Amino acid sequence: MFTDCKYKALFVDWDRHAKTMVGRFRASSGKYITDFWFTQFIEALKTRSPEFDLWWPLHEIQNNGELYKQLNHPKVGRLDFEISNFDVADHSCLKMAVHVPMPGTDTAAKMASLLDVLENETTDQL
């Protein structure tokens, strides 16, 4: 999200999503805050991403309350999703996010076309 420029092009509102991700990351990483590897990781992110370097010191905490996401897919254009976030039972460190195409948009059809292309590519490789 912070070290590869393709994500800035992928997310319609990258700044909002990225800043929210910093807050969610901070909320879930508290138990590692004093670990050496974690400190190194944060410093590396701050060095490679001016945005992360700006937002990390704000100490904002976010929950997994993101409900809507828009993406700019390089092949099919804009995709609109509703998002549901879940904790994975018996794995306190794992989260699951389910992206469902927004009703009233062409996202479901675009996703189906992407799956068709992927299936054809896989079949061609066999």
C-alpha atoms as a PDB file:
ATOM      1  CA  MET A   1       0.000   0.000   0.000  1.00  0.00           C
ATOM      2  CA  PHE A   2       2.835   2.402   0.829  1.00  0.00           C
ATOM      3  CA  THR A   3       5.871   1.231  -1.107  1.00  0.00           C
ATOM      4  CA  ASP A   4       4.422   0.327  -4.510  1.00  0.00           C
ATOM      5  CA  CYS A   5       3.020   3.149  -6.639  1.00  0.00           C
ATOM      6  CA  LYS A   6       0.535   0.848  -8.395  1.00  0.00           C
ATOM      7  CA  TYR A   7      -1.661   1.003  -5.268  1.00  0.00           C
ATOM      8  CA  LYS A   8      -1.983   4.781  -5.549  1.00  0.00           C
ATOM      9  CA  ALA A   9      -3.454   4.246  -9.000  1.00  0.00           C
ATOM     10  CA  LEU A  10      -5.630   1.310  -7.899  1.00  0.00           C
ATOM     11  CA  PHE A  11      -7.542   3.031  -5.091  1.00  0.00           C
ATOM     12  CA  VAL A  12      -9.957   5.792  -6.122  1.00  0.00           C
ATOM     13  CA  ASP A  13      -9.385   7.576  -2.793  1.00  0.00           C
ATOM     14  CA  TRP A  14      -5.919   6.273  -1.939  1.00  0.00           C
ATOM     15  CA  ASP A  15      -5.155   8.862   0.772  1.00  0.00           C
ATOM     16  CA  ARG A  16      -8.255   7.967   2.769  1.00  0.00           C
ATOM     17  CA  HIS A  17      -7.728   4.211   2.448  1.00  0.00           C
ATOM     18  CA  ALA A  18      -4.021   4.422   3.223  1.00  0.00           C
ATOM     19  CA  LYS A  19      -4.504   6.617   6.281  1.00  0.00           C
ATOM     20  CA  THR A  20      -7.240   4.292   7.542  1.00  0.00           C
ATOM     21  CA  MET A  21      -4.892   1.346   6.992  1.00  0.00           C
ATOM     22  CA  VAL A  22      -2.257   3.036   9.178  1.00  0.00           C
ATOM     23  CA  GLY A  23      -4.865   3.390  11.941  1.00  0.00           C
ATOM     24  CA  ARG A  24      -5.967  -0.246  11.625  1.00  0.00           C
ATOM     25  CA  PHE A  25      -2.352  -1.374  11.584  1.00  0.00           C
ATOM     26  CA  ARG A  26      -1.627   0.654  14.723  1.00  0.00           C
ATOM     27  CA  ALA A  27      -4.703  -0.815  16.459  1.00  0.00           C
ATOM     28  CA  SER A  28      -3.652  -4.393  15.714  1.00  0.00           C
ATOM     29  CA  SER A  29       0.080  -4.058  16.322  1.00  0.00           C
ATOM     30  CA  GLY A  30       0.190  -2.797  19.902  1.00  0.00           C
ATOM     31  CA  LYS A  31       1.537  -6.058  21.289  1.00  0.00           C
ATOM     32  CA  TYR A  32       4.627  -5.732  19.055  1.00  0.00           C
ATOM     33  CA  ILE A  33       5.406  -2.071  19.692  1.00  0.00           C
ATOM     34  CA  THR A  34       8.512  -2.816  21.811  1.00  0.00           C
ATOM     35  CA  ASP A  35       9.873  -5.612  19.600  1.00  0.00           C
ATOM     36  CA  PHE A  36      13.084  -4.763  17.739  1.00  0.00           C
ATOM     37  CA  TRP A  37      11.885  -6.198  14.415  1.00  0.00           C
ATOM     38  CA  PHE A  38       8.730  -4.083  14.637  1.00  0.00           C
ATOM     39  CA  THR A  39      10.709  -0.896  15.250  1.00  0.00           C
ATOM     40  CA  GLN A  40      12.880  -1.715  12.240  1.00  0.00           C
ATOM     41  CA  PHE A  41       9.810  -2.360  10.109  1.00  0.00           C
ATOM     42  CA  ILE A  42       8.215   0.970  11.066  1.00  0.00           C
ATOM     43  CA  GLU A  43      11.448   2.875  10.391  1.00  0.00           C
ATOM     44  CA  ALA A  44      11.772   1.217   6.970  1.00  0.00           C
ATOM     45  CA  LEU A  45       8.185   2.161   6.097  1.00  0.00           C
ATOM     46  CA  LYS A  46       8.741   5.736   7.256  1.00  0.00           C
ATOM     47  CA  THR A  47      11.854   5.962   5.081  1.00  0.00           C
ATOM     48  CA  ARG A  48      10.143   4.545   1.978  1.00  0.00           C
ATOM     49  CA  SER A  49       6.788   6.317   2.316  1.00  0.00           C
ATOM     50  CA  PRO A  50       6.407  10.037   3.055  1.00  0.00           C
ATOM     51  CA  GLU A  51       2.699   9.471   3.743  1.00  0.00           C
ATOM     52  CA  PHE A  52       3.339   6.717   6.284  1.00  0.00           C
ATOM     53  CA  ASP A  53       6.002   8.929   7.877  1.00  0.00           C
ATOM     54  CA  LEU A  54       3.432  11.727   8.149  1.00  0.00           C
ATOM     55  CA  TRP A  55       0.544   9.600   9.469  1.00  0.00           C
ATOM     56  CA  TRP A  56       2.285   7.178  11.854  1.00  0.00           C
ATOM     57  CA  PRO A  57       3.136   9.864  14.474  1.00  0.00           C
ATOM     58  CA  LEU A  58      -0.534  10.924  14.646  1.00  0.00           C
ATOM     59  CA  HIS A  59      -1.237   7.810  16.756  1.00  0.00           C
ATOM     60  CA  GLU A  60      -4.715   7.428  15.252  1.00  0.00           C
ATOM     61  CA  ILE A  61      -6.536   4.173  15.878  1.00  0.00           C
ATOM     62  CA  GLN A  62      -9.073   2.776  13.408  1.00  0.00           C
ATOM     63  CA  ASN A  63     -11.320  -0.222  13.630  1.00  0.00           C
ATOM     64  CA  ASN A  64     -12.229  -2.401  10.671  1.00  0.00           C
ATOM     65  CA  GLY A  65     -15.238  -0.235   9.920  1.00  0.00           C
ATOM     66  CA  GLU A  66     -14.542   0.407   6.254  1.00  0.00           C
ATOM     67  CA  LEU A  67     -17.819  -0.264   4.460  1.00  0.00           C
ATOM     68  CA  TYR A  68     -17.194   0.801   0.876  1.00  0.00           C
ATOM     69  CA  LYS A  69     -14.252   0.697  -1.513  1.00  0.00           C
ATOM     70  CA  GLN A  70     -13.737   1.881  -5.064  1.00  0.00           C
ATOM     71  CA  LEU A  71     -10.886   0.530  -7.164  1.00  0.00           C
ATOM     72  CA  ASN A  72      -9.515   1.528 -10.571  1.00  0.00           C
ATOM     73  CA  HIS A  73      -8.710  -1.832 -12.131  1.00  0.00           C
ATOM     74  CA  PRO A  74      -6.222  -1.500 -15.012  1.00  0.00           C
ATOM     75  CA  LYS A  75      -8.252  -3.783 -17.325  1.00  0.00           C
ATOM     76  CA  VAL A  76     -11.916  -3.219 -16.461  1.00  0.00           C
ATOM     77  CA  GLY A  77     -11.985   0.245 -14.895  1.00  0.00           C
ATOM     78  CA  ARG A  78     -13.862   1.253 -11.773  1.00  0.00           C
ATOM     79  CA  LEU A  79     -15.029  -1.436  -9.343  1.00  0.00           C
ATOM     80  CA  ASP A  80     -17.358  -0.673  -6.427  1.00  0.00           C
ATOM     81  CA  PHE A  81     -17.473  -2.965  -3.379  1.00  0.00           C
ATOM     82  CA  GLU A  82     -19.248  -3.243  -0.059  1.00  0.00           C
ATOM     83  CA  ILE A  83     -16.866  -4.601   2.564  1.00  0.00           C
ATOM     84  CA  SER A  84     -17.487  -6.796   5.583  1.00  0.00           C
ATOM     85  CA  ASN A  85     -14.636  -7.423   8.020  1.00  0.00           C
ATOM     86  CA  PHE A  86     -14.393 -10.387  10.365  1.00  0.00           C
ATOM     87  CA  ASP A  87     -12.024 -11.724  13.008  1.00  0.00           C
ATOM     88  CA  VAL A  88     -10.988 -15.296  12.255  1.00  0.00           C
ATOM     89  CA  ALA A  89     -12.004 -17.601  15.116  1.00  0.00           C
ATOM     90  CA  ASP A  90      -9.123 -19.174  17.027  1.00  0.00           C
ATOM     91  CA  HIS A  91      -6.624 -16.905  15.230  1.00  0.00           C
ATOM     92  CA  SER A  92      -6.550 -13.547  16.984  1.00  0.00           C
ATOM     93  CA  CYS A  93      -3.992 -12.160  14.539  1.00  0.00           C
ATOM     94  CA  LEU A  94      -6.013 -12.947  11.421  1.00  0.00           C
ATOM     95  CA  LYS A  95      -8.711 -10.814   9.815  1.00  0.00           C
ATOM     96  CA  MET A  96     -10.903 -11.594   6.848  1.00  0.00           C
ATOM     97  CA  ALA A  97     -12.325  -8.951   4.527  1.00  0.00           C
ATOM     98  CA  VAL A  98     -15.114  -9.874   2.118  1.00  0.00           C
ATOM     99  CA  HIS A  99     -15.600  -7.596  -0.896  1.00  0.00           C
ATOM    100  CA  VAL A 100     -19.080  -7.860  -2.429  1.00  0.00           C
ATOM    101  CA  PRO A 101     -19.896  -6.035  -5.675  1.00  0.00           C
ATOM    102  CA  MET A 102     -22.168  -3.063  -4.975  1.00  0.00           C
ATOM    103  CA  PRO A 103     -25.734  -3.567  -6.209  1.00  0.00           C
ATOM    104  CA  GLY A 104     -26.706  -1.247  -9.045  1.00  0.00           C
ATOM    105  CA  THR A 105     -23.166  -1.166 -10.466  1.00  0.00           C
ATOM    106  CA  ASP A 106     -21.493  -3.188 -13.204  1.00  0.00           C
ATOM    107  CA  THR A 107     -18.853  -4.507 -10.792  1.00  0.00           C
ATOM    108  CA  ALA A 108     -20.241  -8.063 -10.670  1.00  0.00           C
ATOM    109  CA  ALA A 109     -20.167  -8.291 -14.477  1.00  0.00           C
ATOM    110  CA  LYS A 110     -16.627  -6.906 -14.593  1.00  0.00           C
ATOM    111  CA  MET A 111     -15.484  -9.415 -11.957  1.00  0.00           C
ATOM    112  CA  ALA A 112     -17.080 -12.233 -13.964  1.00  0.00           C
ATOM    113  CA  SER A 113     -15.230 -11.091 -17.096  1.00  0.00           C
ATOM    114  CA  LEU A 114     -11.932 -11.034 -15.174  1.00  0.00           C
ATOM    115  CA  LEU A 115     -12.588 -14.568 -13.919  1.00  0.00           C
ATOM    116  CA  ASP A 116     -13.336 -15.699 -17.493  1.00  0.00           C
ATOM    117  CA  VAL A 117     -10.013 -14.277 -18.673  1.00  0.00           C
ATOM    118  CA  LEU A 118      -8.186 -15.954 -15.788  1.00  0.00           C
ATOM    119  CA  GLU A 119      -9.898 -19.271 -16.496  1.00  0.00           C
ATOM    120  CA  ASN A 120      -9.003 -19.078 -20.191  1.00  0.00           C
ATOM    121  CA  GLU A 121      -5.377 -18.237 -19.376  1.00  0.00           C
ATOM    122  CA  THR A 122      -5.213 -21.200 -16.982  1.00  0.00           C
ATOM    123  CA  THR A 123      -6.783 -23.535 -19.554  1.00  0.00           C
ATOM    124  CA  ASP A 124      -4.359 -22.343 -22.235  1.00  0.00           C
ATOM    125  CA  GLN A 125      -1.408 -23.164 -19.955  1.00  0.00           C
ATOM    126  CA  LEU A 126      -2.554 -26.759 -19.526  1.00  0.00           C
END
